[in-house]
All heavy atoms as atom14 arrays in JSON, in Angstrom:
{
  "sequence": "WNIDTNTQEQLNVIGRIVVIDQPWEVIGDDETYRLLLKSKIAKNNSD",
  "atom14_mask": [
    [1, 1, 1, 1, 1, 1, 1, 1, 1, 1, 1, 1, 1, 1],
    [1, 1, 1, 1, 1, 1, 1, 1, 0, 0, 0, 0, 0, 0],
    [1, 1, 1, 1, 1, 1, 1, 1, 0, 0, 0, 0, 0, 0],
    [1, 1, 1, 1, 1, 1, 1, 1, 0, 0, 0, 0, 0, 0],
    [1, 1, 1, 1, 1, 1, 1, 0, 0, 0, 0, 0, 0, 0],
    [1, 1, 1, 1, 1, 1, 1, 1, 0, 0, 0, 0, 0, 0],
    [1, 1, 1, 1, 1, 1, 1, 0, 0, 0, 0, 0, 0, 0],
    [1, 1, 1, 1, 1, 1, 1, 1, 1, 0, 0, 0, 0, 0],
    [1, 1, 1, 1, 1, 1, 1, 1, 1, 0, 0, 0, 0, 0],
    [1, 1, 1, 1, 1, 1, 1, 1, 1, 0, 0, 0, 0, 0],
    [1, 1, 1, 1, 1, 1, 1, 1, 0, 0, 0, 0, 0, 0],
    [1, 1, 1, 1, 1, 1, 1, 1, 0, 0, 0, 0, 0, 0],
    [1, 1, 1, 1, 1, 1, 1, 0, 0, 0, 0, 0, 0, 0],
    [1, 1, 1, 1, 1, 1, 1, 1, 0, 0, 0, 0, 0, 0],
    [1, 1, 1, 1, 0, 0, 0, 0, 0, 0, 0, 0, 0, 0],
    [1, 1, 1, 1, 1, 1, 1, 1, 1, 1, 1, 0, 0, 0],
    [1, 1, 1, 1, 1, 1, 1, 1, 0, 0, 0, 0, 0, 0],
    [1, 1, 1, 1, 1, 1, 1, 0, 0, 0, 0, 0, 0, 0],
    [1, 1, 1, 1, 1, 1, 1, 0, 0, 0, 0, 0, 0, 0],
    [1, 1, 1, 1, 1, 1, 1, 1, 0, 0, 0, 0, 0, 0],
    [1, 1, 1, 1, 1, 1, 1, 1, 0, 0, 0, 0, 0, 0],
    [1, 1, 1, 1, 1, 1, 1, 1, 1, 0, 0, 0, 0, 0],
    [1, 1, 1, 1, 1, 1, 1, 0, 0, 0, 0, 0, 0, 0],
    [1, 1, 1, 1, 1, 1, 1, 1, 1, 1, 1, 1, 1, 1],
    [1, 1, 1, 1, 1, 1, 1, 1, 1, 0, 0, 0, 0, 0],
    [1, 1, 1, 1, 1, 1, 1, 0, 0, 0, 0, 0, 0, 0],
    [1, 1, 1, 1, 1, 1, 1, 1, 0, 0, 0, 0, 0, 0],
    [1, 1, 1, 1, 0, 0, 0, 0, 0, 0, 0, 0, 0, 0],
    [1, 1, 1, 1, 1, 1, 1, 1, 0, 0, 0, 0, 0, 0],
    [1, 1, 1, 1, 1, 1, 1, 1, 0, 0, 0, 0, 0, 0],
    [1, 1, 1, 1, 1, 1, 1, 1, 1, 0, 0, 0, 0, 0],
    [1, 1, 1, 1, 1, 1, 1, 0, 0, 0, 0, 0, 0, 0],
    [1, 1, 1, 1, 1, 1, 1, 1, 1, 1, 1, 1, 0, 0],
    [1, 1, 1, 1, 1, 1, 1, 1, 1, 1, 1, 0, 0, 0],
    [1, 1, 1, 1, 1, 1, 1, 1, 0, 0, 0, 0, 0, 0],
    [1, 1, 1, 1, 1, 1, 1, 1, 0, 0, 0, 0, 0, 0],
    [1, 1, 1, 1, 1, 1, 1, 1, 0, 0, 0, 0, 0, 0],
    [1, 1, 1, 1, 1, 1, 1, 1, 1, 0, 0, 0, 0, 0],
    [1, 1, 1, 1, 1, 1, 0, 0, 0, 0, 0, 0, 0, 0],
    [1, 1, 1, 1, 1, 1, 1, 1, 1, 0, 0, 0, 0, 0],
    [1, 1, 1, 1, 1, 1, 1, 1, 0, 0, 0, 0, 0, 0],
    [1, 1, 1, 1, 1, 0, 0, 0, 0, 0, 0, 0, 0, 0],
    [1, 1, 1, 1, 1, 1, 1, 1, 1, 0, 0, 0, 0, 0],
    [1, 1, 1, 1, 1, 1, 1, 1, 0, 0, 0, 0, 0, 0],
    [1, 1, 1, 1, 1, 1, 1, 1, 0, 0, 0, 0, 0, 0],
    [1, 1, 1, 1, 1, 1, 0, 0, 0, 0, 0, 0, 0, 0],
    [1, 1, 1, 1, 1, 1, 1, 1, 0, 0, 0, 0, 0, 0]
  ],
  "atom14_positions": [
    [[0.81, -1.22, 0.0], [0.0, 0.0, 0.0], [0.84, 1.26, 0.0], [0.31, 2.36, 0.13], [-0.93, 0.03, 1.22], [-1.84, -1.13, 1.28], [-1.91, -2.07, 2.26], [-2.82, -1.52, 0.32], [-2.85, -3.0, 1.96], [-3.43, -2.69, 0.77], [-3.23, -0.99, -0.91], [-4.43, -3.33, 0.07], [-4.23, -1.64, -1.61], [-4.82, -2.79, -1.12]],
    [[2.14, 1.15, -0.13], [3.01, 2.32, -0.11], [2.99, 3.01, -1.48], [3.53, 2.5, -2.45], [4.44, 1.9, 0.25], [5.32, 3.08, 0.51], [5.04, 4.2, 0.09], [6.41, 2.84, 1.21], [0.0, 0.0, 0.0], [0.0, 0.0, 0.0], [0.0, 0.0, 0.0], [0.0, 0.0, 0.0], [0.0, 0.0, 0.0], [0.0, 0.0, 0.0]],
    [[2.39, 4.17, -1.53], [2.25, 4.91, -2.78], [3.61, 5.36, -3.32], [3.84, 5.37, -4.52], [1.32, 6.13, -2.58], [-0.09, 5.65, -2.28], [1.31, 7.02, -3.82], [-1.04, 6.75, -1.89], [0.0, 0.0, 0.0], [0.0, 0.0, 0.0], [0.0, 0.0, 0.0], [0.0, 0.0, 0.0], [0.0, 0.0, 0.0], [0.0, 0.0, 0.0]],
    [[4.51, 5.71, -2.43], [5.8, 6.28, -2.85], [6.74, 5.27, -3.49], [7.6, 5.64, -4.27], [6.49, 6.94, -1.67], [5.72, 8.16, -1.19], [5.13, 8.86, -2.03], [5.7, 8.4, 0.03], [0.0, 0.0, 0.0], [0.0, 0.0, 0.0], [0.0, 0.0, 0.0], [0.0, 0.0, 0.0], [0.0, 0.0, 0.0], [0.0, 0.0, 0.0]],
    [[6.6, 3.98, -3.17], [7.54, 3.0, -3.69], [6.96, 2.07, -4.74], [7.7, 1.44, -5.47], [8.12, 2.13, -2.55], [7.04, 1.48, -1.88], [8.91, 2.98, -1.58], [0.0, 0.0, 0.0], [0.0, 0.0, 0.0], [0.0, 0.0, 0.0], [0.0, 0.0, 0.0], [0.0, 0.0, 0.0], [0.0, 0.0, 0.0], [0.0, 0.0, 0.0]],
    [[5.66, 1.96, -4.82], [5.04, 1.04, -5.78], [5.07, 1.61, -7.19], [5.25, 2.81, -7.4], [3.6, 0.72, -5.38], [3.55, -0.24, -4.22], [4.41, -1.09, -4.07], [2.53, -0.11, -3.4], [0.0, 0.0, 0.0], [0.0, 0.0, 0.0], [0.0, 0.0, 0.0], [0.0, 0.0, 0.0], [0.0, 0.0, 0.0], [0.0, 0.0, 0.0]],
    [[4.89, 0.73, -8.16], [4.85, 1.13, -9.56], [3.57, 0.64, -10.21], [2.7, 0.11, -9.54], [6.07, 0.56, -10.32], [6.08, -0.85, -10.16], [7.37, 1.15, -9.79], [0.0, 0.0, 0.0], [0.0, 0.0, 0.0], [0.0, 0.0, 0.0], [0.0, 0.0, 0.0], [0.0, 0.0, 0.0], [0.0, 0.0, 0.0], [0.0, 0.0, 0.0]],
    [[3.47, 0.79, -11.48], [2.28, 0.62, -12.31], [1.16, -0.23, -11.73], [0.12, 0.29, -11.34], [2.67, 0.08, -13.67], [3.35, 1.11, -14.52], [3.68, 0.57, -15.88], [3.91, -0.61, -16.06], [3.72, 1.46, -16.85], [0.0, 0.0, 0.0], [0.0, 0.0, 0.0], [0.0, 0.0, 0.0], [0.0, 0.0, 0.0], [0.0, 0.0, 0.0]],
    [[1.3, -1.54, -11.73], [0.17, -2.39, -11.36], [-0.24, -2.21, -9.9], [-1.42, -2.18, -9.6], [0.48, -3.87, -11.65], [-0.74, -4.76, -11.54], [-1.93, -4.31, -12.38], [-1.73, -3.88, -13.52], [-3.07, -4.37, -11.88], [0.0, 0.0, 0.0], [0.0, 0.0, 0.0], [0.0, 0.0, 0.0], [0.0, 0.0, 0.0], [0.0, 0.0, 0.0]],
    [[0.74, -2.06, -9.01], [0.39, -1.84, -7.61], [-0.32, -0.5, -7.44], [-1.26, -0.39, -6.66], [1.65, -1.87, -6.71], [2.32, -3.21, -6.64], [3.44, -3.35, -7.66], [3.63, -2.51, -8.54], [4.18, -4.43, -7.56], [0.0, 0.0, 0.0], [0.0, 0.0, 0.0], [0.0, 0.0, 0.0], [0.0, 0.0, 0.0], [0.0, 0.0, 0.0]],
    [[0.12, 0.52, -8.18], [-0.56, 1.82, -8.13], [-1.97, 1.71, -8.7], [-2.89, 2.37, -8.2], [0.25, 2.87, -8.9], [1.54, 3.33, -8.25], [2.27, 4.29, -9.16], [1.29, 3.96, -6.9], [0.0, 0.0, 0.0], [0.0, 0.0, 0.0], [0.0, 0.0, 0.0], [0.0, 0.0, 0.0], [0.0, 0.0, 0.0], [0.0, 0.0, 0.0]],
    [[-2.16, 0.89, -9.72], [-3.5, 0.7, -10.27], [-4.43, 0.06, -9.25], [-5.62, 0.39, -9.17], [-3.45, -0.14, -11.54], [-2.9, 0.64, -12.71], [-2.96, 1.86, -12.75], [-2.33, -0.07, -13.67], [0.0, 0.0, 0.0], [0.0, 0.0, 0.0], [0.0, 0.0, 0.0], [0.0, 0.0, 0.0], [0.0, 0.0, 0.0], [0.0, 0.0, 0.0]],
    [[-3.91, -0.86, -8.44], [-4.72, -1.48, -7.38], [-5.13, -0.43, -6.36], [-6.3, -0.34, -5.97], [-3.94, -2.64, -6.7], [-4.66, -3.12, -5.46], [-3.73, -3.78, -7.68], [0.0, 0.0, 0.0], [0.0, 0.0, 0.0], [0.0, 0.0, 0.0], [0.0, 0.0, 0.0], [0.0, 0.0, 0.0], [0.0, 0.0, 0.0], [0.0, 0.0, 0.0]],
    [[-4.19, 0.4, -5.95], [-4.51, 1.48, -5.01], [-5.51, 2.43, -5.64], [-6.45, 2.89, -4.99], [-3.22, 2.22, -4.58], [-2.3, 1.27, -3.8], [-3.56, 3.44, -3.72], [-0.91, 1.81, -3.55], [0.0, 0.0, 0.0], [0.0, 0.0, 0.0], [0.0, 0.0, 0.0], [0.0, 0.0, 0.0], [0.0, 0.0, 0.0], [0.0, 0.0, 0.0]],
    [[-5.34, 2.73, -6.93], [-6.26, 3.61, -7.64], [-7.68, 3.06, -7.67], [-8.65, 3.8, -7.54], [0.0, 0.0, 0.0], [0.0, 0.0, 0.0], [0.0, 0.0, 0.0], [0.0, 0.0, 0.0], [0.0, 0.0, 0.0], [0.0, 0.0, 0.0], [0.0, 0.0, 0.0], [0.0, 0.0, 0.0], [0.0, 0.0, 0.0], [0.0, 0.0, 0.0]],
    [[-7.82, 1.75, -7.83], [-9.16, 1.15, -7.82], [-9.8, 1.26, -6.44], [-11.0, 1.47, -6.32], [-9.09, -0.31, -8.27], [-8.91, -0.46, -9.77], [-9.16, -1.89, -10.23], [-8.2, -2.85, -9.71], [-7.03, -3.14, -10.27], [-6.67, -2.53, -11.38], [-6.23, -4.04, -9.74], [0.0, 0.0, 0.0], [0.0, 0.0, 0.0], [0.0, 0.0, 0.0]],
    [[-8.98, 1.15, -5.4], [-9.51, 1.28, -4.04], [-9.94, 2.71, -3.77], [-10.98, 2.96, -3.16], [-8.45, 0.81, -3.02], [-8.25, -0.69, -3.15], [-8.84, 1.18, -1.6], [-7.05, -1.23, -2.42], [0.0, 0.0, 0.0], [0.0, 0.0, 0.0], [0.0, 0.0, 0.0], [0.0, 0.0, 0.0], [0.0, 0.0, 0.0], [0.0, 0.0, 0.0]],
    [[-9.15, 3.67, -4.23], [-9.45, 5.08, -3.99], [-10.45, 5.61, -5.01], [-10.89, 6.74, -4.9], [-8.15, 5.93, -4.06], [-8.35, 7.27, -3.42], [-7.0, 5.26, -3.4], [0.0, 0.0, 0.0], [0.0, 0.0, 0.0], [0.0, 0.0, 0.0], [0.0, 0.0, 0.0], [0.0, 0.0, 0.0], [0.0, 0.0, 0.0], [0.0, 0.0, 0.0]],
    [[-10.8, 4.82, -5.98], [-11.73, 5.12, -7.06], [-11.16, 6.17, -8.01], [-11.77, 7.19, -8.29], [-13.12, 5.54, -6.54], [-14.13, 5.61, -7.66], [-13.61, 4.61, -5.46], [0.0, 0.0, 0.0], [0.0, 0.0, 0.0], [0.0, 0.0, 0.0], [0.0, 0.0, 0.0], [0.0, 0.0, 0.0], [0.0, 0.0, 0.0], [0.0, 0.0, 0.0]],
    [[-9.94, 5.93, -8.46], [-9.33, 6.71, -9.53], [-8.73, 5.72, -10.5], [-7.8, 5.02, -10.16], [-8.21, 7.64, -9.03], [-8.77, 8.73, -8.14], [-7.47, 8.25, -10.19], [-7.72, 9.69, -7.64], [0.0, 0.0, 0.0], [0.0, 0.0, 0.0], [0.0, 0.0, 0.0], [0.0, 0.0, 0.0], [0.0, 0.0, 0.0], [0.0, 0.0, 0.0]],
    [[-9.29, 5.66, -11.7], [-8.66, 4.86, -12.73], [-7.58, 5.71, -13.37], [-7.73, 6.92, -13.51], [-9.69, 4.43, -13.79], [-10.67, 3.42, -13.21], [-10.26, 2.65, -12.32], [-11.83, 3.4, -13.64], [0.0, 0.0, 0.0], [0.0, 0.0, 0.0], [0.0, 0.0, 0.0], [0.0, 0.0, 0.0], [0.0, 0.0, 0.0], [0.0, 0.0, 0.0]],
    [[-6.53, 5.08, -13.79], [-5.4, 5.85, -14.32], [-5.61, 6.17, -15.79], [-5.49, 5.3, -16.64], [-4.11, 5.07, -14.14], [-2.91, 5.85, -14.56], [-1.63, 5.16, -14.16], [-1.63, 4.03, -13.74], [-0.53, 5.86, -14.3], [0.0, 0.0, 0.0], [0.0, 0.0, 0.0], [0.0, 0.0, 0.0], [0.0, 0.0, 0.0], [0.0, 0.0, 0.0]],
    [[-5.94, 7.41, -16.1], [-6.05, 7.8, -17.52], [-4.66, 8.08, -18.09], [-4.14, 9.18, -17.96], [-6.9, 9.07, -17.45], [-6.67, 9.62, -16.1], [-6.31, 8.48, -15.2], [0.0, 0.0, 0.0], [0.0, 0.0, 0.0], [0.0, 0.0, 0.0], [0.0, 0.0, 0.0], [0.0, 0.0, 0.0], [0.0, 0.0, 0.0], [0.0, 0.0, 0.0]],
    [[-4.02, 7.08, -18.68], [-2.64, 7.21, -19.14], [-2.46, 8.34, -20.14], [-1.43, 8.98, -20.19], [-2.14, 5.9, -19.75], [-1.73, 4.93, -18.71], [-2.4, 3.82, -18.33], [-0.59, 5.01, -17.87], [-1.75, 3.19, -17.3], [-0.62, 3.9, -17.01], [0.47, 5.9, -17.75], [0.36, 3.67, -16.05], [1.44, 5.67, -16.81], [1.38, 4.56, -15.97]],
    [[-3.5, 8.61, -20.96], [-3.32, 9.69, -21.93], [-3.25, 11.05, -21.25], [-2.64, 11.97, -21.75], [-4.36, 9.69, -23.02], [-5.82, 9.39, -22.83], [-6.27, 8.12, -22.13], [-5.7, 7.05, -22.26], [-7.26, 8.25, -21.41], [0.0, 0.0, 0.0], [0.0, 0.0, 0.0], [0.0, 0.0, 0.0], [0.0, 0.0, 0.0], [0.0, 0.0, 0.0]],
    [[-3.84, 11.17, -20.04], [-3.78, 12.44, -19.3], [-2.56, 12.46, -18.38], [-1.83, 13.43, -18.31], [-5.07, 12.64, -18.47], [-4.98, 13.88, -17.62], [-6.27, 12.69, -19.38], [0.0, 0.0, 0.0], [0.0, 0.0, 0.0], [0.0, 0.0, 0.0], [0.0, 0.0, 0.0], [0.0, 0.0, 0.0], [0.0, 0.0, 0.0], [0.0, 0.0, 0.0]],
    [[-2.32, 11.35, -17.68], [-1.3, 11.33, -16.65], [0.07, 10.96, -17.22], [1.0, 11.73, -17.13], [-1.69, 10.36, -15.53], [-2.95, 10.87, -14.86], [-0.57, 10.23, -14.52], [-3.53, 9.95, -13.86], [0.0, 0.0, 0.0], [0.0, 0.0, 0.0], [0.0, 0.0, 0.0], [0.0, 0.0, 0.0], [0.0, 0.0, 0.0], [0.0, 0.0, 0.0]],
    [[0.18, 9.78, -17.78], [1.4, 9.41, -18.47], [2.49, 8.74, -17.67], [3.22, 7.93, -18.21], [0.0, 0.0, 0.0], [0.0, 0.0, 0.0], [0.0, 0.0, 0.0], [0.0, 0.0, 0.0], [0.0, 0.0, 0.0], [0.0, 0.0, 0.0], [0.0, 0.0, 0.0], [0.0, 0.0, 0.0], [0.0, 0.0, 0.0], [0.0, 0.0, 0.0]],
    [[2.68, 9.05, -16.39], [3.78, 8.43, -15.65], [3.37, 8.16, -14.2], [2.37, 8.67, -13.71], [5.03, 9.31, -15.69], [4.84, 10.62, -15.0], [3.8, 11.27, -15.23], [5.7, 11.02, -14.23], [0.0, 0.0, 0.0], [0.0, 0.0, 0.0], [0.0, 0.0, 0.0], [0.0, 0.0, 0.0], [0.0, 0.0, 0.0], [0.0, 0.0, 0.0]],
    [[4.18, 7.35, -13.53], [3.87, 6.93, -12.16], [3.93, 8.09, -11.17], [3.14, 8.16, -10.24], [4.83, 5.83, -11.71], [4.52, 4.49, -12.36], [3.41, 4.35, -12.92], [5.38, 3.59, -12.31], [0.0, 0.0, 0.0], [0.0, 0.0, 0.0], [0.0, 0.0, 0.0], [0.0, 0.0, 0.0], [0.0, 0.0, 0.0], [0.0, 0.0, 0.0]],
    [[4.88, 9.02, -11.35], [5.01, 10.14, -10.41], [3.74, 10.99, -10.39], [3.27, 11.39, -9.33], [6.23, 10.99, -10.76], [7.55, 10.34, -10.45], [7.67, 9.92, -8.99], [7.33, 10.7, -8.09], [8.12, 8.78, -8.75], [0.0, 0.0, 0.0], [0.0, 0.0, 0.0], [0.0, 0.0, 0.0], [0.0, 0.0, 0.0], [0.0, 0.0, 0.0]],
    [[3.2, 11.26, -11.56], [1.98, 12.06, -11.63], [0.81, 11.29, -11.03], [-0.03, 11.87, -10.33], [1.68, 12.42, -13.1], [2.84, 13.03, -13.65], [0.53, 13.39, -13.2], [0.0, 0.0, 0.0], [0.0, 0.0, 0.0], [0.0, 0.0, 0.0], [0.0, 0.0, 0.0], [0.0, 0.0, 0.0], [0.0, 0.0, 0.0], [0.0, 0.0, 0.0]],
    [[0.75, 10.0, -11.31], [-0.33, 9.18, -10.76], [-0.23, 9.1, -9.24], [-1.24, 9.16, -8.54], [-0.28, 7.79, -11.38], [-1.51, 6.95, -11.13], [-2.79, 7.5, -11.21], [-1.4, 5.61, -10.82], [-3.91, 6.73, -11.0], [-2.53, 4.84, -10.61], [-3.77, 5.4, -10.69], [-4.88, 4.63, -10.48], [0.0, 0.0, 0.0], [0.0, 0.0, 0.0]],
    [[0.99, 9.04, -8.7], [1.17, 9.06, -7.24], [0.62, 10.35, -6.66], [-0.05, 10.34, -5.63], [2.65, 8.94, -6.89], [3.21, 7.57, -7.03], [4.65, 7.52, -6.53], [5.18, 6.21, -6.75], [6.0, 5.88, -7.74], [6.43, 6.8, -8.57], [6.42, 4.65, -7.89], [0.0, 0.0, 0.0], [0.0, 0.0, 0.0], [0.0, 0.0, 0.0]],
    [[0.91, 11.46, -7.31], [0.41, 12.76, -6.86], [-1.11, 12.8, -6.89], [-1.75, 13.29, -5.96], [1.01, 13.86, -7.74], [0.74, 15.29, -7.33], [1.37, 15.59, -5.98], [1.29, 16.23, -8.37], [0.0, 0.0, 0.0], [0.0, 0.0, 0.0], [0.0, 0.0, 0.0], [0.0, 0.0, 0.0], [0.0, 0.0, 0.0], [0.0, 0.0, 0.0]],
    [[-1.69, 12.26, -7.95], [-3.14, 12.21, -8.07], [-3.75, 11.33, -6.98], [-4.77, 11.7, -6.37], [-3.53, 11.71, -9.46], [-5.0, 11.71, -9.81], [-5.57, 13.11, -9.75], [-5.2, 11.13, -11.21], [0.0, 0.0, 0.0], [0.0, 0.0, 0.0], [0.0, 0.0, 0.0], [0.0, 0.0, 0.0], [0.0, 0.0, 0.0], [0.0, 0.0, 0.0]],
    [[-3.15, 10.19, -6.71], [-3.64, 9.3, -5.65], [-3.57, 9.98, -4.28], [-4.51, 9.93, -3.5], [-2.83, 8.0, -5.62], [-3.08, 7.03, -6.76], [-2.06, 5.91, -6.72], [-4.48, 6.48, -6.72], [0.0, 0.0, 0.0], [0.0, 0.0, 0.0], [0.0, 0.0, 0.0], [0.0, 0.0, 0.0], [0.0, 0.0, 0.0], [0.0, 0.0, 0.0]],
    [[-2.43, 10.63, -4.01], [-2.29, 11.34, -2.73], [-3.34, 12.45, -2.6], [-3.9, 12.67, -1.52], [-0.89, 11.93, -2.6], [0.17, 10.94, -2.25], [1.5, 11.65, -2.05], [2.54, 10.72, -1.51], [3.8, 11.44, -1.23], [0.0, 0.0, 0.0], [0.0, 0.0, 0.0], [0.0, 0.0, 0.0], [0.0, 0.0, 0.0], [0.0, 0.0, 0.0]],
    [[-3.62, 13.14, -3.7], [-4.62, 14.2, -3.69], [-5.99, 13.66, -3.36], [-6.72, 14.23, -2.55], [-4.65, 14.91, -5.04], [-3.43, 15.5, -5.33], [0.0, 0.0, 0.0], [0.0, 0.0, 0.0], [0.0, 0.0, 0.0], [0.0, 0.0, 0.0], [0.0, 0.0, 0.0], [0.0, 0.0, 0.0], [0.0, 0.0, 0.0], [0.0, 0.0, 0.0]],
    [[-6.35, 12.56, -3.99], [-7.67, 11.95, -3.76], [-7.79, 11.45, -2.33], [-8.81, 11.64, -1.67], [-7.88, 10.82, -4.77], [-9.19, 10.1, -4.64], [-10.35, 10.97, -5.05], [-11.62, 10.14, -4.97], [-12.63, 10.51, -5.89], [0.0, 0.0, 0.0], [0.0, 0.0, 0.0], [0.0, 0.0, 0.0], [0.0, 0.0, 0.0], [0.0, 0.0, 0.0]],
    [[-6.74, 10.81, -1.81], [-6.75, 10.32, -0.43], [-6.87, 11.49, 0.54], [-7.64, 11.44, 1.5], [-5.49, 9.48, -0.14], [-5.56, 8.16, -0.93], [-5.33, 9.21, 1.34], [-4.27, 7.39, -0.96], [0.0, 0.0, 0.0], [0.0, 0.0, 0.0], [0.0, 0.0, 0.0], [0.0, 0.0, 0.0], [0.0, 0.0, 0.0], [0.0, 0.0, 0.0]],
    [[-6.13, 12.56, 0.3], [-6.18, 13.73, 1.18], [-7.57, 14.36, 1.16], [-8.09, 14.75, 2.21], [-5.14, 14.76, 0.74], [0.0, 0.0, 0.0], [0.0, 0.0, 0.0], [0.0, 0.0, 0.0], [0.0, 0.0, 0.0], [0.0, 0.0, 0.0], [0.0, 0.0, 0.0], [0.0, 0.0, 0.0], [0.0, 0.0, 0.0], [0.0, 0.0, 0.0]],
    [[-8.19, 14.45, -0.01], [-9.53, 15.03, -0.09], [-10.55, 14.16, 0.62], [-11.42, 14.65, 1.32], [-9.93, 15.24, -1.55], [-11.27, 15.94, -1.68], [-11.6, 16.3, -3.1], [-12.9, 17.08, -3.15], [-13.22, 17.48, -4.51], [0.0, 0.0, 0.0], [0.0, 0.0, 0.0], [0.0, 0.0, 0.0], [0.0, 0.0, 0.0], [0.0, 0.0, 0.0]],
    [[-10.42, 12.85, 0.47], [-11.37, 11.94, 1.11], [-11.24, 11.93, 2.63], [-12.21, 11.61, 3.32], [-11.18, 10.51, 0.59], [-11.67, 10.35, -0.81], [-12.38, 11.18, -1.35], [-11.29, 9.25, -1.44], [0.0, 0.0, 0.0], [0.0, 0.0, 0.0], [0.0, 0.0, 0.0], [0.0, 0.0, 0.0], [0.0, 0.0, 0.0], [0.0, 0.0, 0.0]],
    [[-10.06, 12.25, 3.16], [-9.84, 12.18, 4.6], [-9.81, 13.53, 5.29], [-9.54, 13.6, 6.48], [-8.53, 11.44, 4.88], [-8.65, 9.98, 4.55], [-9.5, 9.29, 5.07], [-7.81, 9.51, 3.65], [0.0, 0.0, 0.0], [0.0, 0.0, 0.0], [0.0, 0.0, 0.0], [0.0, 0.0, 0.0], [0.0, 0.0, 0.0], [0.0, 0.0, 0.0]],
    [[-10.06, 14.61, 4.56], [-9.98, 15.94, 5.15], [-11.31, 16.34, 5.76], [-12.38, 15.96, 5.29], [-9.58, 16.96, 4.08], [-9.59, 18.25, 4.63], [0.0, 0.0, 0.0], [0.0, 0.0, 0.0], [0.0, 0.0, 0.0], [0.0, 0.0, 0.0], [0.0, 0.0, 0.0], [0.0, 0.0, 0.0], [0.0, 0.0, 0.0], [0.0, 0.0, 0.0]],
    [[-11.23, 17.16, 6.81], [-12.45, 17.7, 7.41], [-12.8, 19.07, 6.83], [-13.76, 19.7, 7.26], [-12.31, 17.78, 8.93], [-11.12, 18.62, 9.36], [-10.42, 19.17, 8.5], [-10.89, 18.71, 10.58], [0.0, 0.0, 0.0], [0.0, 0.0, 0.0], [0.0, 0.0, 0.0], [0.0, 0.0, 0.0], [0.0, 0.0, 0.0], [0.0, 0.0, 0.0]]
  ]
}
């Protein structure tokens, strides 16, 4: 579940849990997808 160290397929699993599918044509790389995942997690857990 470590967003910072995982790559493609593991990030896709986390993305399915957080409900973000990876739009490769928009995102393109793992670093951007990590940022998007962190953003979604932060929004879901913020008060």
